[in-house]
Amino acid sequence: MLAINKIVAGGRGLAPVLVKRAGTIELDWDVRQKSRFDATDSQGRRLGVFLPRGTVVRGGDVLVAEDGSLVRVIAAPQPVLVITHCTEHGSSFDLMRAAYHLGNRHVPIELKPDHLKIEPDHVLADMLRAMHLIVREANEAFEPEGGAYAASGGHHHGHDHGQHEHHSHDHDHDH
């Protein structure tokens, strides 16, 4: 097993060609928030990851193995709820209200300008729908905010501009 005990946030400072050639591991949020875990990379190598306690691994980070080899982390698609505002009956302010209510419940949230993402929870989904928000299930990468007290160290949270979905929705608005 190849031991890994170093992380380079976002691969910053590494030559892009080295990062591109590196093996990869796809990890969901549950694993990426652990500082110790085992994984197998795209090159078939067994990895034992031992990072400092409290370290959160993000998609785009690069792990450095004891032999100097690099492993690029990919945020694996996982079940999430994607929350958007209803353009017919609401405004983007509704998302701010939703983020407030979810934050009061200490729910990990990925914040985007036009939507929120949370892990699946039918009770929260019902609450959000009652607030006239659109909640849809998806299988996407999940990169929740680190929180006000998280050690950011200038950590960048990458995002993808390539996937814009158009969808319709049905929901009633009893006013």
N, C-alpha and C. Protein backbone atom coordinates (compact mmCIF):
# COMPACT_ATOMS: atom_id res chain seq x y z
N MET A 1 0.85 -1.17 0.00
CA MET A 1 0.00 0.00 0.00
C MET A 1 0.90 1.24 0.00
N LEU A 2 0.56 2.19 -0.85
CA LEU A 2 1.32 3.43 -0.97
C LEU A 2 0.75 4.46 0.00
N ALA A 3 1.58 4.97 0.89
CA ALA A 3 1.12 5.94 1.90
C ALA A 3 1.13 7.35 1.32
N ILE A 4 0.09 8.10 1.68
CA ILE A 4 -0.03 9.50 1.28
C ILE A 4 -0.26 10.31 2.54
N ASN A 5 0.56 11.35 2.73
CA ASN A 5 0.38 12.21 3.91
C ASN A 5 0.52 13.69 3.59
N LYS A 6 0.45 14.03 2.31
CA LYS A 6 0.55 15.44 1.93
C LYS A 6 -0.52 15.76 0.90
N ILE A 7 -1.07 16.96 1.00
CA ILE A 7 -2.09 17.43 0.06
C ILE A 7 -1.69 18.80 -0.47
N VAL A 8 -1.88 19.00 -1.77
CA VAL A 8 -1.64 20.30 -2.40
C VAL A 8 -3.00 20.81 -2.85
N ALA A 9 -3.50 21.82 -2.14
CA ALA A 9 -4.84 22.36 -2.42
C ALA A 9 -4.93 22.84 -3.86
N GLY A 10 -5.87 22.26 -4.59
CA GLY A 10 -6.11 22.67 -5.97
C GLY A 10 -4.94 22.41 -6.90
N GLY A 11 -3.92 21.70 -6.42
CA GLY A 11 -2.74 21.44 -7.24
C GLY A 11 -1.89 22.69 -7.48
N ARG A 12 -2.13 23.74 -6.66
CA ARG A 12 -1.43 25.00 -6.83
C ARG A 12 0.08 24.84 -6.72
N GLY A 13 0.78 25.43 -7.67
CA GLY A 13 2.23 25.41 -7.65
C GLY A 13 2.82 24.21 -8.37
N LEU A 14 1.98 23.26 -8.77
CA LEU A 14 2.47 22.09 -9.49
C LEU A 14 2.37 22.35 -10.99
N ALA A 15 3.30 21.81 -11.74
CA ALA A 15 3.26 21.95 -13.20
C ALA A 15 2.01 21.27 -13.73
N PRO A 16 1.22 21.97 -14.53
CA PRO A 16 -0.02 21.39 -15.07
C PRO A 16 0.20 20.05 -15.77
N VAL A 17 1.32 19.88 -16.46
CA VAL A 17 1.58 18.64 -17.17
C VAL A 17 1.74 17.48 -16.17
N LEU A 18 2.30 17.74 -15.00
CA LEU A 18 2.44 16.69 -13.98
C LEU A 18 1.09 16.30 -13.41
N VAL A 19 0.25 17.30 -13.17
CA VAL A 19 -1.09 17.04 -12.64
C VAL A 19 -1.91 16.25 -13.66
N LYS A 20 -1.77 16.62 -14.93
CA LYS A 20 -2.52 15.94 -15.99
C LYS A 20 -2.11 14.47 -16.09
N ARG A 21 -0.84 14.15 -15.88
CA ARG A 21 -0.35 12.78 -15.98
C ARG A 21 -0.61 11.96 -14.72
N ALA A 22 -0.98 12.62 -13.65
CA ALA A 22 -1.15 11.93 -12.36
C ALA A 22 -2.32 10.95 -12.41
N GLY A 23 -2.22 9.92 -11.59
CA GLY A 23 -3.36 9.02 -11.41
C GLY A 23 -4.48 9.81 -10.75
N THR A 24 -5.67 9.26 -10.77
CA THR A 24 -6.81 9.95 -10.16
C THR A 24 -7.54 9.01 -9.21
N ILE A 25 -8.26 9.62 -8.28
CA ILE A 25 -9.22 8.88 -7.45
C ILE A 25 -10.49 9.69 -7.40
N GLU A 26 -11.61 9.00 -7.56
CA GLU A 26 -12.93 9.63 -7.44
C GLU A 26 -13.47 9.30 -6.07
N LEU A 27 -13.75 10.36 -5.30
CA LEU A 27 -14.22 10.17 -3.93
C LEU A 27 -15.47 10.99 -3.69
N ASP A 28 -16.44 10.42 -2.98
CA ASP A 28 -17.64 11.19 -2.63
C ASP A 28 -17.36 12.04 -1.39
N TRP A 29 -18.31 12.88 -1.03
CA TRP A 29 -18.13 13.81 0.07
C TRP A 29 -17.88 13.09 1.39
N ASP A 30 -18.56 11.98 1.63
CA ASP A 30 -18.36 11.26 2.89
C ASP A 30 -16.90 10.87 3.09
N VAL A 31 -16.24 10.42 2.04
CA VAL A 31 -14.83 10.03 2.15
C VAL A 31 -13.94 11.27 2.20
N ARG A 32 -14.23 12.27 1.38
CA ARG A 32 -13.34 13.44 1.29
C ARG A 32 -13.30 14.27 2.57
N GLN A 33 -14.26 14.10 3.46
CA GLN A 33 -14.20 14.85 4.72
C GLN A 33 -13.48 14.08 5.82
N LYS A 34 -12.95 12.92 5.48
CA LYS A 34 -12.16 12.13 6.43
C LYS A 34 -10.68 12.39 6.16
N SER A 35 -9.89 12.37 7.21
CA SER A 35 -8.45 12.59 7.03
C SER A 35 -7.68 11.28 6.86
N ARG A 36 -8.35 10.16 7.09
CA ARG A 36 -7.72 8.85 6.93
C ARG A 36 -8.68 7.93 6.19
N PHE A 37 -8.19 7.40 5.07
CA PHE A 37 -9.01 6.47 4.29
C PHE A 37 -8.13 5.69 3.32
N ASP A 38 -8.64 4.58 2.84
CA ASP A 38 -7.97 3.78 1.82
C ASP A 38 -8.71 3.99 0.50
N ALA A 39 -7.97 3.90 -0.59
CA ALA A 39 -8.57 4.06 -1.92
C ALA A 39 -7.69 3.34 -2.94
N THR A 40 -8.22 3.16 -4.12
CA THR A 40 -7.46 2.62 -5.24
C THR A 40 -7.51 3.67 -6.35
N ASP A 41 -6.35 4.04 -6.87
CA ASP A 41 -6.34 5.08 -7.90
C ASP A 41 -6.55 4.49 -9.29
N SER A 42 -6.60 5.37 -10.30
CA SER A 42 -6.89 4.96 -11.67
C SER A 42 -5.79 4.07 -12.25
N GLN A 43 -4.62 4.04 -11.59
CA GLN A 43 -3.52 3.20 -12.05
C GLN A 43 -3.50 1.86 -11.31
N GLY A 44 -4.54 1.62 -10.48
CA GLY A 44 -4.66 0.36 -9.77
C GLY A 44 -3.84 0.27 -8.49
N ARG A 45 -3.25 1.37 -8.07
CA ARG A 45 -2.43 1.35 -6.85
C ARG A 45 -3.32 1.50 -5.62
N ARG A 46 -3.05 0.69 -4.59
CA ARG A 46 -3.75 0.81 -3.31
C ARG A 46 -3.11 1.95 -2.53
N LEU A 47 -3.93 2.87 -2.06
CA LEU A 47 -3.45 4.05 -1.35
C LEU A 47 -3.96 4.05 0.08
N GLY A 48 -3.10 4.41 0.99
CA GLY A 48 -3.48 4.65 2.38
C GLY A 48 -3.27 6.13 2.64
N VAL A 49 -4.34 6.87 2.80
CA VAL A 49 -4.26 8.32 2.97
C VAL A 49 -4.30 8.64 4.46
N PHE A 50 -3.27 9.35 4.92
CA PHE A 50 -3.12 9.73 6.33
C PHE A 50 -2.81 11.22 6.37
N LEU A 51 -3.82 12.06 6.36
CA LEU A 51 -3.65 13.51 6.37
C LEU A 51 -3.86 14.03 7.79
N PRO A 52 -3.40 15.25 8.07
CA PRO A 52 -3.62 15.81 9.40
C PRO A 52 -5.10 15.83 9.74
N ARG A 53 -5.42 15.54 10.99
CA ARG A 53 -6.82 15.53 11.45
C ARG A 53 -7.51 16.84 11.06
N GLY A 54 -8.75 16.72 10.61
CA GLY A 54 -9.52 17.91 10.24
C GLY A 54 -9.33 18.33 8.79
N THR A 55 -8.42 17.68 8.07
CA THR A 55 -8.20 18.02 6.66
C THR A 55 -9.40 17.57 5.84
N VAL A 56 -9.87 18.44 4.97
CA VAL A 56 -10.95 18.11 4.05
C VAL A 56 -10.35 18.10 2.65
N VAL A 57 -10.59 17.03 1.92
CA VAL A 57 -10.07 16.89 0.56
C VAL A 57 -11.15 17.37 -0.40
N ARG A 58 -10.76 18.23 -1.34
CA ARG A 58 -11.69 18.78 -2.32
C ARG A 58 -11.36 18.27 -3.71
N GLY A 59 -12.36 18.25 -4.58
CA GLY A 59 -12.11 17.93 -5.97
C GLY A 59 -11.09 18.91 -6.53
N GLY A 60 -10.10 18.39 -7.25
CA GLY A 60 -9.04 19.24 -7.79
C GLY A 60 -7.78 19.26 -6.94
N ASP A 61 -7.89 18.81 -5.69
CA ASP A 61 -6.70 18.72 -4.84
C ASP A 61 -5.79 17.63 -5.40
N VAL A 62 -4.51 17.73 -5.07
CA VAL A 62 -3.55 16.72 -5.48
C VAL A 62 -2.90 16.15 -4.23
N LEU A 63 -2.91 14.82 -4.13
CA LEU A 63 -2.28 14.13 -3.02
C LEU A 63 -0.87 13.72 -3.45
N VAL A 64 0.07 13.81 -2.51
CA VAL A 64 1.45 13.45 -2.80
C VAL A 64 1.79 12.19 -2.01
N ALA A 65 2.19 11.14 -2.73
CA ALA A 65 2.53 9.85 -2.10
C ALA A 65 3.95 9.88 -1.58
N GLU A 66 4.26 8.92 -0.73
CA GLU A 66 5.59 8.84 -0.12
C GLU A 66 6.69 8.66 -1.15
N ASP A 67 6.36 8.12 -2.33
CA ASP A 67 7.37 7.95 -3.38
C ASP A 67 7.45 9.17 -4.31
N GLY A 68 6.70 10.24 -3.97
CA GLY A 68 6.72 11.46 -4.77
C GLY A 68 5.70 11.50 -5.89
N SER A 69 5.00 10.39 -6.12
CA SER A 69 3.99 10.38 -7.18
C SER A 69 2.76 11.19 -6.75
N LEU A 70 2.02 11.65 -7.74
CA LEU A 70 0.87 12.50 -7.50
C LEU A 70 -0.43 11.75 -7.81
N VAL A 71 -1.48 12.11 -7.07
CA VAL A 71 -2.81 11.55 -7.31
C VAL A 71 -3.80 12.71 -7.26
N ARG A 72 -4.48 12.95 -8.40
CA ARG A 72 -5.45 14.04 -8.46
C ARG A 72 -6.81 13.54 -7.98
N VAL A 73 -7.47 14.34 -7.14
CA VAL A 73 -8.76 13.98 -6.56
C VAL A 73 -9.88 14.53 -7.43
N ILE A 74 -10.84 13.67 -7.73
CA ILE A 74 -12.05 14.06 -8.46
C ILE A 74 -13.23 13.89 -7.51
N ALA A 75 -14.05 14.92 -7.40
CA ALA A 75 -15.27 14.81 -6.59
C ALA A 75 -16.25 13.93 -7.34
N ALA A 76 -16.52 12.76 -6.79
CA ALA A 76 -17.38 11.77 -7.45
C ALA A 76 -18.84 12.23 -7.45
N PRO A 77 -19.55 11.95 -8.53
CA PRO A 77 -20.99 12.21 -8.51
C PRO A 77 -21.64 11.38 -7.41
N GLN A 78 -22.62 11.97 -6.74
CA GLN A 78 -23.34 11.28 -5.68
C GLN A 78 -24.75 11.85 -5.62
N PRO A 79 -25.65 11.14 -4.96
CA PRO A 79 -27.02 11.67 -4.85
C PRO A 79 -27.03 13.00 -4.09
N VAL A 80 -27.69 13.98 -4.67
CA VAL A 80 -27.86 15.30 -4.04
C VAL A 80 -29.25 15.82 -4.37
N LEU A 81 -29.66 16.82 -3.62
CA LEU A 81 -30.86 17.58 -3.96
C LEU A 81 -30.40 18.94 -4.47
N VAL A 82 -30.89 19.31 -5.64
CA VAL A 82 -30.58 20.59 -6.23
C VAL A 82 -31.79 21.49 -6.03
N ILE A 83 -31.56 22.65 -5.42
CA ILE A 83 -32.64 23.56 -5.05
C ILE A 83 -32.54 24.84 -5.86
N THR A 84 -33.62 25.17 -6.56
CA THR A 84 -33.68 26.42 -7.33
C THR A 84 -34.96 27.16 -6.97
N HIS A 85 -34.99 28.43 -7.31
CA HIS A 85 -36.21 29.19 -7.04
C HIS A 85 -37.15 29.06 -8.24
N CYS A 86 -38.41 29.22 -7.98
CA CYS A 86 -39.42 29.16 -9.03
C CYS A 86 -39.51 30.53 -9.67
N THR A 87 -39.20 30.60 -10.95
CA THR A 87 -39.21 31.90 -11.63
C THR A 87 -40.62 32.46 -11.78
N GLU A 88 -41.63 31.59 -11.75
CA GLU A 88 -43.01 32.05 -11.90
C GLU A 88 -43.59 32.60 -10.60
N HIS A 89 -43.18 32.04 -9.45
CA HIS A 89 -43.82 32.38 -8.18
C HIS A 89 -42.86 32.88 -7.11
N GLY A 90 -41.63 33.15 -7.46
CA GLY A 90 -40.67 33.56 -6.44
C GLY A 90 -39.53 34.36 -7.03
N SER A 91 -38.46 34.43 -6.27
CA SER A 91 -37.28 35.17 -6.72
C SER A 91 -36.04 34.47 -6.18
N SER A 92 -34.89 34.94 -6.61
CA SER A 92 -33.64 34.35 -6.13
C SER A 92 -33.46 34.59 -4.63
N PHE A 93 -34.18 35.57 -4.07
CA PHE A 93 -34.13 35.80 -2.62
C PHE A 93 -34.61 34.56 -1.86
N ASP A 94 -35.50 33.77 -2.47
CA ASP A 94 -35.98 32.54 -1.85
C ASP A 94 -34.83 31.58 -1.56
N LEU A 95 -33.80 31.58 -2.42
CA LEU A 95 -32.63 30.73 -2.18
C LEU A 95 -31.86 31.21 -0.94
N MET A 96 -31.79 32.53 -0.76
CA MET A 96 -31.11 33.06 0.41
C MET A 96 -31.85 32.63 1.69
N ARG A 97 -33.18 32.72 1.64
CA ARG A 97 -33.98 32.26 2.79
C ARG A 97 -33.74 30.78 3.06
N ALA A 98 -33.71 29.98 2.01
CA ALA A 98 -33.48 28.54 2.16
C ALA A 98 -32.10 28.29 2.78
N ALA A 99 -31.08 28.99 2.30
CA ALA A 99 -29.73 28.82 2.84
C ALA A 99 -29.70 29.17 4.33
N TYR A 100 -30.44 30.20 4.70
CA TYR A 100 -30.53 30.59 6.11
C TYR A 100 -31.13 29.46 6.95
N HIS A 101 -32.27 28.93 6.50
CA HIS A 101 -32.95 27.87 7.25
C HIS A 101 -32.11 26.59 7.30
N LEU A 102 -31.46 26.24 6.21
CA LEU A 102 -30.61 25.05 6.19
C LEU A 102 -29.39 25.26 7.09
N GLY A 103 -28.82 26.45 7.06
CA GLY A 103 -27.68 26.76 7.91
C GLY A 103 -28.03 26.67 9.38
N ASN A 104 -29.24 27.10 9.75
CA ASN A 104 -29.69 26.99 11.14
C ASN A 104 -29.75 25.54 11.59
N ARG A 105 -29.89 24.63 10.63
CA ARG A 105 -29.94 23.19 10.94
C ARG A 105 -28.56 22.54 10.75
N HIS A 106 -27.54 23.36 10.49
CA HIS A 106 -26.16 22.88 10.31
C HIS A 106 -26.05 21.84 9.20
N VAL A 107 -26.81 22.06 8.13
CA VAL A 107 -26.80 21.17 6.98
C VAL A 107 -25.65 21.59 6.05
N PRO A 108 -24.78 20.67 5.65
CA PRO A 108 -23.77 21.03 4.65
C PRO A 108 -24.44 21.48 3.36
N ILE A 109 -24.05 22.64 2.84
CA ILE A 109 -24.68 23.22 1.65
C ILE A 109 -23.61 23.63 0.65
N GLU A 110 -23.83 23.30 -0.60
CA GLU A 110 -23.02 23.85 -1.67
C GLU A 110 -23.78 25.05 -2.22
N LEU A 111 -23.15 26.20 -2.19
CA LEU A 111 -23.79 27.44 -2.63
C LEU A 111 -23.33 27.80 -4.04
N LYS A 112 -24.28 28.04 -4.91
CA LYS A 112 -24.02 28.52 -6.26
C LYS A 112 -24.89 29.75 -6.48
N PRO A 113 -24.55 30.60 -7.44
CA PRO A 113 -25.35 31.81 -7.66
C PRO A 113 -26.82 31.54 -7.97
N ASP A 114 -27.10 30.42 -8.64
CA ASP A 114 -28.48 30.15 -9.06
C ASP A 114 -29.10 28.91 -8.44
N HIS A 115 -28.38 28.23 -7.53
CA HIS A 115 -28.95 27.06 -6.88
C HIS A 115 -28.15 26.68 -5.64
N LEU A 116 -28.74 25.80 -4.86
CA LEU A 116 -28.09 25.21 -3.69
C LEU A 116 -28.06 23.71 -3.90
N LYS A 117 -27.13 23.04 -3.23
CA LYS A 117 -27.12 21.57 -3.23
C LYS A 117 -26.97 21.11 -1.79
N ILE A 118 -27.73 20.07 -1.45
CA ILE A 118 -27.60 19.42 -0.15
C ILE A 118 -27.66 17.91 -0.37
N GLU A 119 -27.27 17.18 0.67
CA GLU A 119 -27.42 15.73 0.60
C GLU A 119 -28.90 15.39 0.73
N PRO A 120 -29.33 14.28 0.17
CA PRO A 120 -30.75 13.91 0.19
C PRO A 120 -31.31 13.81 1.61
N ASP A 121 -32.47 14.43 1.80
CA ASP A 121 -33.18 14.39 3.08
C ASP A 121 -34.63 14.75 2.77
N HIS A 122 -35.53 13.77 2.89
CA HIS A 122 -36.92 14.01 2.48
C HIS A 122 -37.62 15.06 3.36
N VAL A 123 -37.26 15.16 4.63
CA VAL A 123 -37.88 16.16 5.50
C VAL A 123 -37.48 17.57 5.05
N LEU A 124 -36.19 17.75 4.77
CA LEU A 124 -35.73 19.06 4.28
C LEU A 124 -36.30 19.36 2.90
N ALA A 125 -36.40 18.35 2.05
CA ALA A 125 -36.99 18.56 0.72
C ALA A 125 -38.42 19.05 0.84
N ASP A 126 -39.20 18.45 1.75
CA ASP A 126 -40.59 18.89 1.96
C ASP A 126 -40.63 20.33 2.48
N MET A 127 -39.73 20.68 3.42
CA MET A 127 -39.68 22.04 3.95
C MET A 127 -39.39 23.03 2.82
N LEU A 128 -38.44 22.70 1.95
CA LEU A 128 -38.05 23.60 0.87
C LEU A 128 -39.17 23.75 -0.15
N ARG A 129 -39.86 22.65 -0.44
CA ARG A 129 -41.00 22.74 -1.37
C ARG A 129 -42.11 23.59 -0.78
N ALA A 130 -42.30 23.52 0.54
CA ALA A 130 -43.31 24.35 1.20
C ALA A 130 -42.93 25.83 1.12
N MET A 131 -41.65 26.11 0.91
CA MET A 131 -41.18 27.49 0.73
C MET A 131 -41.25 27.89 -0.75
N HIS A 132 -41.92 27.08 -1.57
CA HIS A 132 -42.12 27.33 -3.00
C HIS A 132 -40.82 27.27 -3.79
N LEU A 133 -39.90 26.41 -3.34
CA LEU A 133 -38.67 26.19 -4.07
C LEU A 133 -38.79 24.90 -4.88
N ILE A 134 -38.00 24.77 -5.91
CA ILE A 134 -37.98 23.58 -6.74
C ILE A 134 -36.85 22.70 -6.23
N VAL A 135 -37.16 21.47 -5.92
CA VAL A 135 -36.18 20.53 -5.40
C VAL A 135 -36.18 19.33 -6.34
N ARG A 136 -35.01 19.05 -6.89
CA ARG A 136 -34.90 17.88 -7.77
C ARG A 136 -33.73 17.01 -7.33
N GLU A 137 -33.90 15.73 -7.52
CA GLU A 137 -32.82 14.79 -7.21
C GLU A 137 -31.86 14.76 -8.39
N ALA A 138 -30.57 14.64 -8.08
CA ALA A 138 -29.55 14.56 -9.12
C ALA A 138 -28.41 13.70 -8.61
N ASN A 139 -27.54 13.36 -9.52
CA ASN A 139 -26.32 12.63 -9.19
C ASN A 139 -25.17 13.49 -9.69
N GLU A 140 -24.59 14.28 -8.78
CA GLU A 140 -23.57 15.27 -9.14
C GLU A 140 -22.51 15.34 -8.05
N ALA A 141 -21.39 15.94 -8.39
CA ALA A 141 -20.36 16.19 -7.39
C ALA A 141 -20.92 17.12 -6.32
N PHE A 142 -20.47 16.95 -5.08
CA PHE A 142 -20.95 17.76 -3.96
C PHE A 142 -19.75 18.37 -3.27
N GLU A 143 -19.68 19.71 -3.26
CA GLU A 143 -18.60 20.46 -2.63
C GLU A 143 -19.20 21.51 -1.69
N PRO A 144 -19.64 21.08 -0.50
CA PRO A 144 -20.27 22.05 0.42
C PRO A 144 -19.27 23.07 0.95
N GLU A 145 -19.81 24.18 1.39
CA GLU A 145 -19.00 25.23 2.00
C GLU A 145 -18.27 24.68 3.21
N GLY A 146 -17.10 25.25 3.50
CA GLY A 146 -16.32 24.80 4.63
C GLY A 146 -16.79 25.38 5.95
N GLY A 147 -17.56 26.42 5.92
CA GLY A 147 -18.03 27.05 7.15
C GLY A 147 -17.16 28.23 7.54
N ALA A 148 -17.71 29.08 8.37
CA ALA A 148 -17.03 30.31 8.76
C ALA A 148 -15.74 30.06 9.52
N TYR A 149 -15.65 28.94 10.23
CA TYR A 149 -14.48 28.68 11.05
C TYR A 149 -13.54 27.65 10.44
N ALA A 150 -13.82 27.22 9.23
CA ALA A 150 -12.95 26.22 8.58
C ALA A 150 -11.63 26.86 8.20
N ALA A 151 -10.58 26.09 8.32
CA ALA A 151 -9.26 26.57 7.92
C ALA A 151 -9.20 26.54 6.40
N SER A 152 -9.30 27.70 5.79
CA SER A 152 -9.37 27.72 4.33
C SER A 152 -8.00 27.74 3.70
N GLY A 153 -7.05 28.44 4.27
CA GLY A 153 -5.72 28.50 3.70
C GLY A 153 -5.73 28.93 2.25
N GLY A 154 -6.70 29.78 1.88
CA GLY A 154 -6.79 30.22 0.50
C GLY A 154 -7.26 29.13 -0.44
N HIS A 155 -7.93 28.13 0.10
CA HIS A 155 -8.36 26.98 -0.67
C HIS A 155 -9.43 27.39 -1.68
N HIS A 156 -9.22 27.04 -2.91
CA HIS A 156 -10.16 27.36 -3.98
C HIS A 156 -11.15 26.22 -4.17
N HIS A 157 -12.39 26.54 -4.34
CA HIS A 157 -13.42 25.53 -4.61
C HIS A 157 -13.74 25.61 -6.10
N GLY A 158 -13.27 24.62 -6.83
CA GLY A 158 -13.48 24.62 -8.27
C GLY A 158 -14.92 24.36 -8.64
N HIS A 159 -15.26 24.74 -9.86
CA HIS A 159 -16.61 24.46 -10.34
C HIS A 159 -16.57 24.28 -11.85
N ASP A 160 -17.62 23.68 -12.36
CA ASP A 160 -17.68 23.35 -13.76
C ASP A 160 -18.72 24.23 -14.44
N HIS A 161 -18.33 24.84 -15.56
CA HIS A 161 -19.27 25.67 -16.31
C HIS A 161 -19.92 24.90 -17.44
N GLY A 162 -19.60 23.60 -17.58
CA GLY A 162 -20.01 22.87 -18.75
C GLY A 162 -21.37 22.20 -18.69
N GLN A 163 -22.01 22.16 -17.55
CA GLN A 163 -23.26 21.39 -17.49
C GLN A 163 -24.41 22.29 -17.09
N HIS A 164 -25.15 22.73 -18.09
CA HIS A 164 -26.33 23.54 -17.82
C HIS A 164 -27.54 22.73 -18.24
N GLU A 165 -28.35 22.37 -17.28
CA GLU A 165 -29.51 21.54 -17.58
C GLU A 165 -30.75 22.41 -17.69
N HIS A 166 -31.56 22.08 -18.66
CA HIS A 166 -32.85 22.73 -18.79
C HIS A 166 -33.88 21.69 -18.39
N HIS A 167 -34.78 22.08 -17.51
CA HIS A 167 -35.77 21.10 -17.05
C HIS A 167 -37.07 21.82 -16.72
N SER A 168 -38.12 21.06 -16.74
CA SER A 168 -39.40 21.62 -16.35
C SER A 168 -39.75 21.08 -14.97
N HIS A 169 -40.74 21.67 -14.36
CA HIS A 169 -41.15 21.21 -13.04
C HIS A 169 -42.64 21.41 -12.85
N ASP A 170 -43.17 20.59 -11.99
CA ASP A 170 -44.57 20.68 -11.63
C ASP A 170 -44.65 20.82 -10.12
N HIS A 171 -45.37 21.82 -9.69
CA HIS A 171 -45.67 21.95 -8.26
C HIS A 171 -46.82 22.93 -8.10
N ASP A 172 -47.59 22.73 -7.04
CA ASP A 172 -48.73 23.63 -6.85
C ASP A 172 -48.32 24.76 -5.94
N HIS A 173 -49.01 25.82 -6.10
CA HIS A 173 -48.82 26.98 -5.23
C HIS A 173 -50.20 27.36 -4.70
N ASP A 174 -50.53 26.84 -3.54
CA ASP A 174 -51.78 27.20 -2.90
C ASP A 174 -51.55 28.47 -2.09
N HIS A 175 -52.08 29.55 -2.53
CA HIS A 175 -51.88 30.80 -1.79
C HIS A 175 -53.19 31.24 -1.18
